[in-house]
Amino acid sequence: MRIPTFSRTKSHHPLQHLELSKPTLRSGDIIPVATMFRSVPEVKEVDLSQNTLLTDKSLVPLLQKMKRNPACATLTRLSLRQCVRLREKAIQDRGW
């Protein structure tokens, strides 16, 4: 698994962009990402595009944790482009 990149605008500013595109994340890989959201006060973008192994079963718990976190209020973009095993309805049913 590729190490995720976190970009910040300045060292004292909150996380701006979580880039996890194309690393071929598996279901078990998403658990640490979900856990990370507990310690993130703000995030603007999360890019999970082209993770062809992610499924509804693995991603929905992440989305639920994100939604319960105050950082979600600052989220402006969630990219799930080309996550071919995800069903759009499963994501929409969770309010995304």
PDB file of N, CA and C in Angstrom:
ATOM      1  N   MET A   1       0.848  -1.184   0.000  1.00  0.00           N
ATOM      2  CA  MET A   1       0.000   0.000   0.000  1.00  0.00           C
ATOM      3  C   MET A   1       0.884   1.233   0.000  1.00  0.00           C
ATOM      4  N   ARG A   2       0.545   2.188  -0.791  1.00  0.00           N
ATOM      5  CA  ARG A   2       1.258   3.453  -0.865  1.00  0.00           C
ATOM      6  C   ARG A   2       0.926   4.299   0.365  1.00  0.00           C
ATOM      7  N   ILE A   3       1.911   5.031   0.853  1.00  0.00           N
ATOM      8  CA  ILE A   3       1.703   5.899   2.007  1.00  0.00           C
ATOM      9  C   ILE A   3       0.832   7.084   1.584  1.00  0.00           C
ATOM     10  N   PRO A   4      -0.235   7.395   2.345  1.00  0.00           N
ATOM     11  CA  PRO A   4      -1.090   8.526   1.985  1.00  0.00           C
ATOM     12  C   PRO A   4      -0.360   9.844   2.131  1.00  0.00           C
ATOM     13  N   THR A   5      -0.737  10.791   1.331  1.00  0.00           N
ATOM     14  CA  THR A   5      -0.155  12.123   1.452  1.00  0.00           C
ATOM     15  C   THR A   5      -1.179  13.058   2.061  1.00  0.00           C
ATOM     16  N   PHE A   6      -0.697  13.900   2.925  1.00  0.00           N
ATOM     17  CA  PHE A   6      -1.533  14.878   3.596  1.00  0.00           C
ATOM     18  C   PHE A   6      -0.955  16.241   3.268  1.00  0.00           C
ATOM     19  N   SER A   7      -1.725  17.098   2.685  1.00  0.00           N
ATOM     20  CA  SER A   7      -1.185  18.414   2.374  1.00  0.00           C
ATOM     21  C   SER A   7      -1.846  19.472   3.244  1.00  0.00           C
ATOM     22  N   ARG A   8      -1.049  20.405   3.650  1.00  0.00           N
ATOM     23  CA  ARG A   8      -1.512  21.504   4.482  1.00  0.00           C
ATOM     24  C   ARG A   8      -1.086  22.803   3.812  1.00  0.00           C
ATOM     25  N   THR A   9      -1.861  23.844   4.025  1.00  0.00           N
ATOM     26  CA  THR A   9      -1.486  25.110   3.412  1.00  0.00           C
ATOM     27  C   THR A   9      -0.350  25.767   4.183  1.00  0.00           C
ATOM     28  N   LYS A  10      -0.340  25.668   5.499  1.00  0.00           N
ATOM     29  CA  LYS A  10       0.741  26.131   6.359  1.00  0.00           C
ATOM     30  C   LYS A  10       0.835  25.157   7.503  1.00  0.00           C
ATOM     31  N   SER A  11       1.965  25.095   8.174  1.00  0.00           N
ATOM     32  CA  SER A  11       2.158  24.077   9.199  1.00  0.00           C
ATOM     33  C   SER A  11       1.137  24.172  10.333  1.00  0.00           C
ATOM     34  N   HIS A  12       0.626  25.353  10.635  1.00  0.00           N
ATOM     35  CA  HIS A  12      -0.327  25.481  11.729  1.00  0.00           C
ATOM     36  C   HIS A  12      -1.778  25.382  11.269  1.00  0.00           C
ATOM     37  N   HIS A  13      -1.990  25.173   9.997  1.00  0.00           N
ATOM     38  CA  HIS A  13      -3.347  25.034   9.467  1.00  0.00           C
ATOM     39  C   HIS A  13      -3.750  23.571   9.445  1.00  0.00           C
ATOM     40  N   PRO A  14      -5.034  23.301   9.475  1.00  0.00           N
ATOM     41  CA  PRO A  14      -5.504  21.913   9.467  1.00  0.00           C
ATOM     42  C   PRO A  14      -5.286  21.222   8.125  1.00  0.00           C
ATOM     43  N   LEU A  15      -5.470  19.921   8.161  1.00  0.00           N
ATOM     44  CA  LEU A  15      -5.366  19.097   6.968  1.00  0.00           C
ATOM     45  C   LEU A  15      -6.291  19.645   5.885  1.00  0.00           C
ATOM     46  N   GLN A  16      -5.784  19.759   4.677  1.00  0.00           N
ATOM     47  CA  GLN A  16      -6.581  20.274   3.581  1.00  0.00           C
ATOM     48  C   GLN A  16      -7.012  19.176   2.607  1.00  0.00           C
ATOM     49  N   HIS A  17      -6.115  18.238   2.335  1.00  0.00           N
ATOM     50  CA  HIS A  17      -6.387  17.256   1.287  1.00  0.00           C
ATOM     51  C   HIS A  17      -5.804  15.902   1.684  1.00  0.00           C
ATOM     52  N   LEU A  18      -6.643  14.886   1.675  1.00  0.00           N
ATOM     53  CA  LEU A  18      -6.204  13.516   1.933  1.00  0.00           C
ATOM     54  C   LEU A  18      -6.213  12.786   0.600  1.00  0.00           C
ATOM     55  N   GLU A  19      -5.043  12.449   0.117  1.00  0.00           N
ATOM     56  CA  GLU A  19      -4.877  11.837  -1.199  1.00  0.00           C
ATOM     57  C   GLU A  19      -4.609  10.343  -1.049  1.00  0.00           C
ATOM     58  N   LEU A  20      -5.596   9.534  -1.394  1.00  0.00           N
ATOM     59  CA  LEU A  20      -5.456   8.082  -1.351  1.00  0.00           C
ATOM     60  C   LEU A  20      -5.887   7.464  -2.673  1.00  0.00           C
ATOM     61  N   SER A  21      -5.697   8.190  -3.757  1.00  0.00           N
ATOM     62  CA  SER A  21      -6.098   7.654  -5.059  1.00  0.00           C
ATOM     63  C   SER A  21      -5.052   6.674  -5.582  1.00  0.00           C
ATOM     64  N   LYS A  22      -5.541   5.683  -6.268  1.00  0.00           N
ATOM     65  CA  LYS A  22      -4.746   4.658  -6.945  1.00  0.00           C
ATOM     66  C   LYS A  22      -3.850   3.789  -6.067  1.00  0.00           C
ATOM     67  N   PRO A  23      -4.012   3.716  -4.753  1.00  0.00           N
ATOM     68  CA  PRO A  23      -3.106   2.837  -4.027  1.00  0.00           C
ATOM     69  C   PRO A  23      -3.587   1.396  -3.930  1.00  0.00           C
ATOM     70  N   THR A  24      -4.737   1.104  -4.515  1.00  0.00           N
ATOM     71  CA  THR A  24      -5.353  -0.206  -4.432  1.00  0.00           C
ATOM     72  C   THR A  24      -5.599  -0.585  -2.976  1.00  0.00           C
ATOM     73  N   LEU A  25      -6.340   0.258  -2.282  1.00  0.00           N
ATOM     74  CA  LEU A  25      -6.718  -0.022  -0.905  1.00  0.00           C
ATOM     75  C   LEU A  25      -7.642  -1.228  -0.865  1.00  0.00           C
ATOM     76  N   ARG A  26      -7.472  -2.032   0.147  1.00  0.00           N
ATOM     77  CA  ARG A  26      -8.364  -3.172   0.395  1.00  0.00           C
ATOM     78  C   ARG A  26      -9.234  -2.826   1.596  1.00  0.00           C
ATOM     79  N   SER A  27     -10.209  -3.664   1.860  1.00  0.00           N
ATOM     80  CA  SER A  27     -11.140  -3.413   2.957  1.00  0.00           C
ATOM     81  C   SER A  27     -10.421  -3.149   4.272  1.00  0.00           C
ATOM     82  N   GLY A  28      -9.450  -3.962   4.623  1.00  0.00           N
ATOM     83  CA  GLY A  28      -8.720  -3.787   5.876  1.00  0.00           C
ATOM     84  C   GLY A  28      -7.881  -2.522   5.918  1.00  0.00           C
ATOM     85  N   ASP A  29      -7.489  -2.006   4.771  1.00  0.00           N
ATOM     86  CA  ASP A  29      -6.669  -0.791   4.718  1.00  0.00           C
ATOM     87  C   ASP A  29      -7.460   0.456   5.083  1.00  0.00           C
ATOM     88  N   ILE A  30      -8.774   0.385   4.967  1.00  0.00           N
ATOM     89  CA  ILE A  30      -9.600   1.565   5.180  1.00  0.00           C
ATOM     90  C   ILE A  30      -9.822   1.833   6.671  1.00  0.00           C
ATOM     91  N   ILE A  31      -9.639   0.829   7.518  1.00  0.00           N
ATOM     92  CA  ILE A  31      -9.836   0.999   8.963  1.00  0.00           C
ATOM     93  C   ILE A  31      -8.902   2.062   9.543  1.00  0.00           C
ATOM     94  N   PRO A  32      -7.599   2.059   9.246  1.00  0.00           N
ATOM     95  CA  PRO A  32      -6.736   3.127   9.767  1.00  0.00           C
ATOM     96  C   PRO A  32      -7.130   4.512   9.255  1.00  0.00           C
ATOM     97  N   VAL A  33      -7.640   4.574   8.047  1.00  0.00           N
ATOM     98  CA  VAL A  33      -8.091   5.863   7.501  1.00  0.00           C
ATOM     99  C   VAL A  33      -9.285   6.362   8.313  1.00  0.00           C
ATOM    100  N   ALA A  34     -10.212   5.464   8.609  1.00  0.00           N
ATOM    101  CA  ALA A  34     -11.377   5.840   9.419  1.00  0.00           C
ATOM    102  C   ALA A  34     -10.945   6.289  10.804  1.00  0.00           C
ATOM    103  N   THR A  35      -9.999   5.608  11.397  1.00  0.00           N
ATOM    104  CA  THR A  35      -9.495   5.958  12.724  1.00  0.00           C
ATOM    105  C   THR A  35      -8.829   7.327  12.722  1.00  0.00           C
ATOM    106  N   MET A  36      -8.130   7.649  11.649  1.00  0.00           N
ATOM    107  CA  MET A  36      -7.434   8.931  11.539  1.00  0.00           C
ATOM    108  C   MET A  36      -8.403  10.111  11.656  1.00  0.00           C
ATOM    109  N   PHE A  37      -9.636   9.919  11.218  1.00  0.00           N
ATOM    110  CA  PHE A  37     -10.594  11.027  11.239  1.00  0.00           C
ATOM    111  C   PHE A  37     -10.949  11.495  12.648  1.00  0.00           C
ATOM    112  N   ARG A  38     -10.692  10.659  13.645  1.00  0.00           N
ATOM    113  CA  ARG A  38     -10.932  11.089  15.029  1.00  0.00           C
ATOM    114  C   ARG A  38     -10.024  12.238  15.440  1.00  0.00           C
ATOM    115  N   SER A  39      -8.823  12.277  14.862  1.00  0.00           N
ATOM    116  CA  SER A  39      -7.847  13.289  15.270  1.00  0.00           C
ATOM    117  C   SER A  39      -7.717  14.451  14.295  1.00  0.00           C
ATOM    118  N   VAL A  40      -8.531  14.473  13.274  1.00  0.00           N
ATOM    119  CA  VAL A  40      -8.457  15.532  12.265  1.00  0.00           C
ATOM    120  C   VAL A  40      -9.580  16.541  12.514  1.00  0.00           C
ATOM    121  N   PRO A  41      -9.223  17.799  12.823  1.00  0.00           N
ATOM    122  CA  PRO A  41     -10.263  18.789  13.093  1.00  0.00           C
ATOM    123  C   PRO A  41     -10.928  19.350  11.838  1.00  0.00           C
ATOM    124  N   GLU A  42     -10.235  19.267  10.707  1.00  0.00           N
ATOM    125  CA  GLU A  42     -10.765  19.853   9.473  1.00  0.00           C
ATOM    126  C   GLU A  42     -10.117  19.179   8.274  1.00  0.00           C
ATOM    127  N   VAL A  43     -10.913  18.942   7.244  1.00  0.00           N
ATOM    128  CA  VAL A  43     -10.398  18.417   5.982  1.00  0.00           C
ATOM    129  C   VAL A  43     -11.269  18.975   4.857  1.00  0.00           C
ATOM    130  N   LYS A  44     -10.632  19.372   3.776  1.00  0.00           N
ATOM    131  CA  LYS A  44     -11.363  19.947   2.641  1.00  0.00           C
ATOM    132  C   LYS A  44     -11.689  18.904   1.578  1.00  0.00           C
ATOM    133  N   GLU A  45     -10.717  18.033   1.278  1.00  0.00           N
ATOM    134  CA  GLU A  45     -10.903  17.067   0.202  1.00  0.00           C
ATOM    135  C   GLU A  45     -10.392  15.696   0.611  1.00  0.00           C
ATOM    136  N   VAL A  46     -11.123  14.665   0.197  1.00  0.00           N
ATOM    137  CA  VAL A  46     -10.694  13.283   0.363  1.00  0.00           C
ATOM    138  C   VAL A  46     -10.802  12.632  -1.009  1.00  0.00           C
ATOM    139  N   ASP A  47      -9.688  12.114  -1.488  1.00  0.00           N
ATOM    140  CA  ASP A  47      -9.650  11.500  -2.816  1.00  0.00           C
ATOM    141  C   ASP A  47      -9.352  10.010  -2.680  1.00  0.00           C
ATOM    142  N   LEU A  48     -10.364   9.202  -2.922  1.00  0.00           N
ATOM    143  CA  LEU A  48     -10.226   7.748  -2.896  1.00  0.00           C
ATOM    144  C   LEU A  48     -10.401   7.163  -4.299  1.00  0.00           C
ATOM    145  N   SER A  49     -10.287   7.990  -5.309  1.00  0.00           N
ATOM    146  CA  SER A  49     -10.550   7.550  -6.680  1.00  0.00           C
ATOM    147  C   SER A  49      -9.597   6.437  -7.111  1.00  0.00           C
ATOM    148  N   GLN A  50     -10.093   5.607  -7.997  1.00  0.00           N
ATOM    149  CA  GLN A  50      -9.375   4.517  -8.641  1.00  0.00           C
ATOM    150  C   GLN A  50      -8.953   3.415  -7.669  1.00  0.00           C
ATOM    151  N   ASN A  51      -9.626   3.306  -6.546  1.00  0.00           N
ATOM    152  CA  ASN A  51      -9.407   2.183  -5.640  1.00  0.00           C
ATOM    153  C   ASN A  51     -10.381   1.085  -6.033  1.00  0.00           C
ATOM    154  N   THR A  52      -9.964   0.275  -6.971  1.00  0.00           N
ATOM    155  CA  THR A  52     -10.861  -0.699  -7.582  1.00  0.00           C
ATOM    156  C   THR A  52     -11.225  -1.860  -6.653  1.00  0.00           C
ATOM    157  N   LEU A  53     -10.551  -2.012  -5.527  1.00  0.00           N
ATOM    158  CA  LEU A  53     -10.858  -3.100  -4.609  1.00  0.00           C
ATOM    159  C   LEU A  53     -11.773  -2.678  -3.472  1.00  0.00           C
ATOM    160  N   LEU A  54     -12.049  -1.394  -3.329  1.00  0.00           N
ATOM    161  CA  LEU A  54     -12.957  -0.944  -2.272  1.00  0.00           C
ATOM    162  C   LEU A  54     -14.382  -1.355  -2.604  1.00  0.00           C
ATOM    163  N   THR A  55     -15.089  -1.800  -1.584  1.00  0.00           N
ATOM    164  CA  THR A  55     -16.477  -2.207  -1.754  1.00  0.00           C
ATOM    165  C   THR A  55     -17.367  -1.384  -0.822  1.00  0.00           C
ATOM    166  N   ASP A  56     -18.666  -1.516  -0.996  1.00  0.00           N
ATOM    167  CA  ASP A  56     -19.615  -0.855  -0.103  1.00  0.00           C
ATOM    168  C   ASP A  56     -19.340  -1.251   1.343  1.00  0.00           C
ATOM    169  N   LYS A  57     -19.078  -2.535   1.548  1.00  0.00           N
ATOM    170  CA  LYS A  57     -18.868  -3.065   2.897  1.00  0.00           C
ATOM    171  C   LYS A  57     -17.697  -2.381   3.600  1.00  0.00           C
ATOM    172  N   SER A  58     -16.656  -2.055   2.866  1.00  0.00           N
ATOM    173  CA  SER A  58     -15.497  -1.405   3.492  1.00  0.00           C
ATOM    174  C   SER A  58     -15.633   0.106   3.545  1.00  0.00           C
ATOM    175  N   LEU A  59     -16.264   0.682   2.562  1.00  0.00           N
ATOM    176  CA  LEU A  59     -16.299   2.143   2.490  1.00  0.00           C
ATOM    177  C   LEU A  59     -17.405   2.773   3.330  1.00  0.00           C
ATOM    178  N   VAL A  60     -18.544   2.139   3.434  1.00  0.00           N
ATOM    179  CA  VAL A  60     -19.664   2.727   4.178  1.00  0.00           C
ATOM    180  C   VAL A  60     -19.281   3.016   5.631  1.00  0.00           C
ATOM    181  N   PRO A  61     -18.580   2.115   6.356  1.00  0.00           N
ATOM    182  CA  PRO A  61     -18.172   2.466   7.721  1.00  0.00           C
ATOM    183  C   PRO A  61     -17.266   3.700   7.777  1.00  0.00           C
ATOM    184  N   LEU A  62     -16.380   3.849   6.790  1.00  0.00           N
ATOM    185  CA  LEU A  62     -15.538   5.053   6.739  1.00  0.00           C
ATOM    186  C   LEU A  62     -16.398   6.296   6.576  1.00  0.00           C
ATOM    187  N   LEU A  63     -17.351   6.246   5.664  1.00  0.00           N
ATOM    188  CA  LEU A  63     -18.214   7.397   5.436  1.00  0.00           C
ATOM    189  C   LEU A  63     -19.038   7.724   6.679  1.00  0.00           C
ATOM    190  N   GLN A  64     -19.479   6.700   7.392  1.00  0.00           N
ATOM    191  CA  GLN A  64     -20.248   6.934   8.614  1.00  0.00           C
ATOM    192  C   GLN A  64     -19.385   7.606   9.678  1.00  0.00           C
ATOM    193  N   LYS A  65     -18.132   7.177   9.830  1.00  0.00           N
ATOM    194  CA  LYS A  65     -17.225   7.805  10.795  1.00  0.00           C
ATOM    195  C   LYS A  65     -16.925   9.243  10.394  1.00  0.00           C
ATOM    196  N   MET A  66     -16.717   9.453   9.091  1.00  0.00           N
ATOM    197  CA  MET A  66     -16.451  10.809   8.612  1.00  0.00           C
ATOM    198  C   MET A  66     -17.634  11.718   8.917  1.00  0.00           C
ATOM    199  N   LYS A  67     -18.824  11.219   8.674  1.00  0.00           N
ATOM    200  CA  LYS A  67     -20.022  12.034   8.841  1.00  0.00           C
ATOM    201  C   LYS A  67     -20.258  12.422  10.308  1.00  0.00           C
ATOM    202  N   ARG A  68     -19.873  11.544  11.234  1.00  0.00           N
ATOM    203  CA  ARG A  68     -20.022  11.831  12.661  1.00  0.00           C
ATOM    204  C   ARG A  68     -18.950  12.777  13.187  1.00  0.00           C
ATOM    205  N   ASN A  69     -17.904  12.969  12.425  1.00  0.00           N
ATOM    206  CA  ASN A  69     -16.796  13.811  12.858  1.00  0.00           C
ATOM    207  C   ASN A  69     -17.043  15.251  12.441  1.00  0.00           C
ATOM    208  N   PRO A  70     -16.730  16.213  13.312  1.00  0.00           N
ATOM    209  CA  PRO A  70     -16.898  17.629  12.946  1.00  0.00           C
ATOM    210  C   PRO A  70     -16.107  18.038  11.704  1.00  0.00           C
ATOM    211  N   ALA A  71     -15.030  17.322  11.397  1.00  0.00           N
ATOM    212  CA  ALA A  71     -14.240  17.643  10.204  1.00  0.00           C
ATOM    213  C   ALA A  71     -15.071  17.532   8.933  1.00  0.00           C
ATOM    214  N   CYS A  72     -16.092  16.698   8.958  1.00  0.00           N
ATOM    215  CA  CYS A  72     -16.939  16.500   7.779  1.00  0.00           C
ATOM    216  C   CYS A  72     -17.648  17.789   7.373  1.00  0.00           C
ATOM    217  N   ALA A  73     -17.918  18.647   8.331  1.00  0.00           N
ATOM    218  CA  ALA A  73     -18.596  19.911   8.024  1.00  0.00           C
ATOM    219  C   ALA A  73     -17.755  20.781   7.100  1.00  0.00           C
ATOM    220  N   THR A  74     -16.446  20.557   7.080  1.00  0.00           N
ATOM    221  CA  THR A  74     -15.552  21.351   6.237  1.00  0.00           C
ATOM    222  C   THR A  74     -15.246  20.669   4.904  1.00  0.00           C
ATOM    223  N   LEU A  75     -15.720  19.418   4.744  1.00  0.00           N
ATOM    224  CA  LEU A  75     -15.444  18.655   3.528  1.00  0.00           C
ATOM    225  C   LEU A  75     -16.186  19.257   2.333  1.00  0.00           C
ATOM    226  N   THR A  76     -15.438  19.603   1.301  1.00  0.00           N
ATOM    227  CA  THR A  76     -16.038  20.175   0.097  1.00  0.00           C
ATOM    228  C   THR A  76     -16.007  19.205  -1.086  1.00  0.00           C
ATOM    229  N   ARG A  77     -15.151  18.168  -0.994  1.00  0.00           N
ATOM    230  CA  ARG A  77     -15.031  17.241  -2.125  1.00  0.00           C
ATOM    231  C   ARG A  77     -14.661  15.853  -1.629  1.00  0.00           C
ATOM    232  N   LEU A  78     -15.433  14.866  -2.048  1.00  0.00           N
ATOM    233  CA  LEU A  78     -15.140  13.462  -1.812  1.00  0.00           C
ATOM    234  C   LEU A  78     -15.120  12.791  -3.171  1.00  0.00           C
ATOM    235  N   SER A  79     -13.965  12.320  -3.589  1.00  0.00           N
ATOM    236  CA  SER A  79     -13.851  11.699  -4.904  1.00  0.00           C
ATOM    237  C   SER A  79     -13.810  10.184  -4.779  1.00  0.00           C
ATOM    238  N   LEU A  80     -14.785   9.546  -5.419  1.00  0.00           N
ATOM    239  CA  LEU A  80     -14.869   8.087  -5.479  1.00  0.00           C
ATOM    240  C   LEU A  80     -14.858   7.620  -6.937  1.00  0.00           C
ATOM    241  N   ARG A  81     -14.336   8.450  -7.792  1.00  0.00           N
ATOM    242  CA  ARG A  81     -14.294   8.174  -9.228  1.00  0.00           C
ATOM    243  C   ARG A  81     -13.567   6.861  -9.507  1.00  0.00           C
ATOM    244  N   GLN A  82     -14.135   6.051 -10.325  1.00  0.00           N
ATOM    245  CA  GLN A  82     -13.593   4.765 -10.773  1.00  0.00           C
ATOM    246  C   GLN A  82     -13.381   3.768  -9.640  1.00  0.00           C
ATOM    247  N   CYS A  83     -14.142   3.888  -8.586  1.00  0.00           N
ATOM    248  CA  CYS A  83     -14.193   2.843  -7.556  1.00  0.00           C
ATOM    249  C   CYS A  83     -15.283   1.888  -8.015  1.00  0.00           C
ATOM    250  N   VAL A  84     -14.920   0.996  -8.889  1.00  0.00           N
ATOM    251  CA  VAL A  84     -15.884   0.224  -9.673  1.00  0.00           C
ATOM    252  C   VAL A  84     -16.723  -0.758  -8.866  1.00  0.00           C
ATOM    253  N   ARG A  85     -16.318  -1.095  -7.672  1.00  0.00           N
ATOM    254  CA  ARG A  85     -17.095  -2.045  -6.861  1.00  0.00           C
ATOM    255  C   ARG A  85     -18.077  -1.354  -5.924  1.00  0.00           C
ATOM    256  N   LEU A  86     -18.111  -0.047  -5.963  1.00  0.00           N
ATOM    257  CA  LEU A  86     -19.047   0.698  -5.122  1.00  0.00           C
ATOM    258  C   LEU A  86     -20.363   0.875  -5.852  1.00  0.00           C
ATOM    259  N   ARG A  87     -21.430   0.736  -5.108  1.00  0.00           N
ATOM    260  CA  ARG A  87     -22.745   0.984  -5.695  1.00  0.00           C
ATOM    261  C   ARG A  87     -23.174   2.392  -5.281  1.00  0.00           C
ATOM    262  N   GLU A  88     -23.516   3.197  -6.245  1.00  0.00           N
ATOM    263  CA  GLU A  88     -23.908   4.583  -5.979  1.00  0.00           C
ATOM    264  C   GLU A  88     -25.056   4.660  -4.982  1.00  0.00           C
ATOM    265  N   LYS A  89     -25.996   3.745  -5.087  1.00  0.00           N
ATOM    266  CA  LYS A  89     -27.146   3.747  -4.183  1.00  0.00           C
ATOM    267  C   LYS A  89     -26.720   3.545  -2.734  1.00  0.00           C
ATOM    268  N   ALA A  90     -25.768   2.683  -2.486  1.00  0.00           N
ATOM    269  CA  ALA A  90     -25.301   2.432  -1.109  1.00  0.00           C
ATOM    270  C   ALA A  90     -24.698   3.689  -0.513  1.00  0.00           C
ATOM    271  N   ILE A  91     -24.015   4.462  -1.316  1.00  0.00           N
ATOM    272  CA  ILE A  91     -23.406   5.711  -0.845  1.00  0.00           C
ATOM    273  C   ILE A  91     -24.491   6.760  -0.627  1.00  0.00           C
ATOM    274  N   GLN A  92     -25.404   6.886  -1.563  1.00  0.00           N
ATOM    275  CA  GLN A  92     -26.478   7.877  -1.447  1.00  0.00           C
ATOM    276  C   GLN A  92     -27.402   7.573  -0.280  1.00  0.00           C
ATOM    277  N   ASP A  93     -27.629   6.284   0.003  1.00  0.00           N
ATOM    278  CA  ASP A  93     -28.482   5.906   1.129  1.00  0.00           C
ATOM    279  C   ASP A  93     -27.891   6.352   2.458  1.00  0.00           C
ATOM    280  N   ARG A  94     -26.600   6.608   2.490  1.00  0.00           N
ATOM    281  CA  ARG A  94     -25.929   7.067   3.717  1.00  0.00           C
ATOM    282  C   ARG A  94     -25.841   8.584   3.778  1.00  0.00           C
ATOM    283  N   GLY A  95     -26.504   9.252   2.826  1.00  0.00           N
ATOM    284  CA  GLY A  95     -26.560  10.696   2.851  1.00  0.00           C
ATOM    285  C   GLY A  95     -25.407  11.419   2.190  1.00  0.00           C
ATOM    286  N   TRP A  96     -24.699  10.725   1.287  1.00  0.00           N
ATOM    287  CA  TRP A  96     -23.585  11.369   0.597  1.00  0.00           C
ATOM    288  C   TRP A  96     -24.028  11.721  -0.780  1.00  0.00           C
TER     289      TRP A  96
END
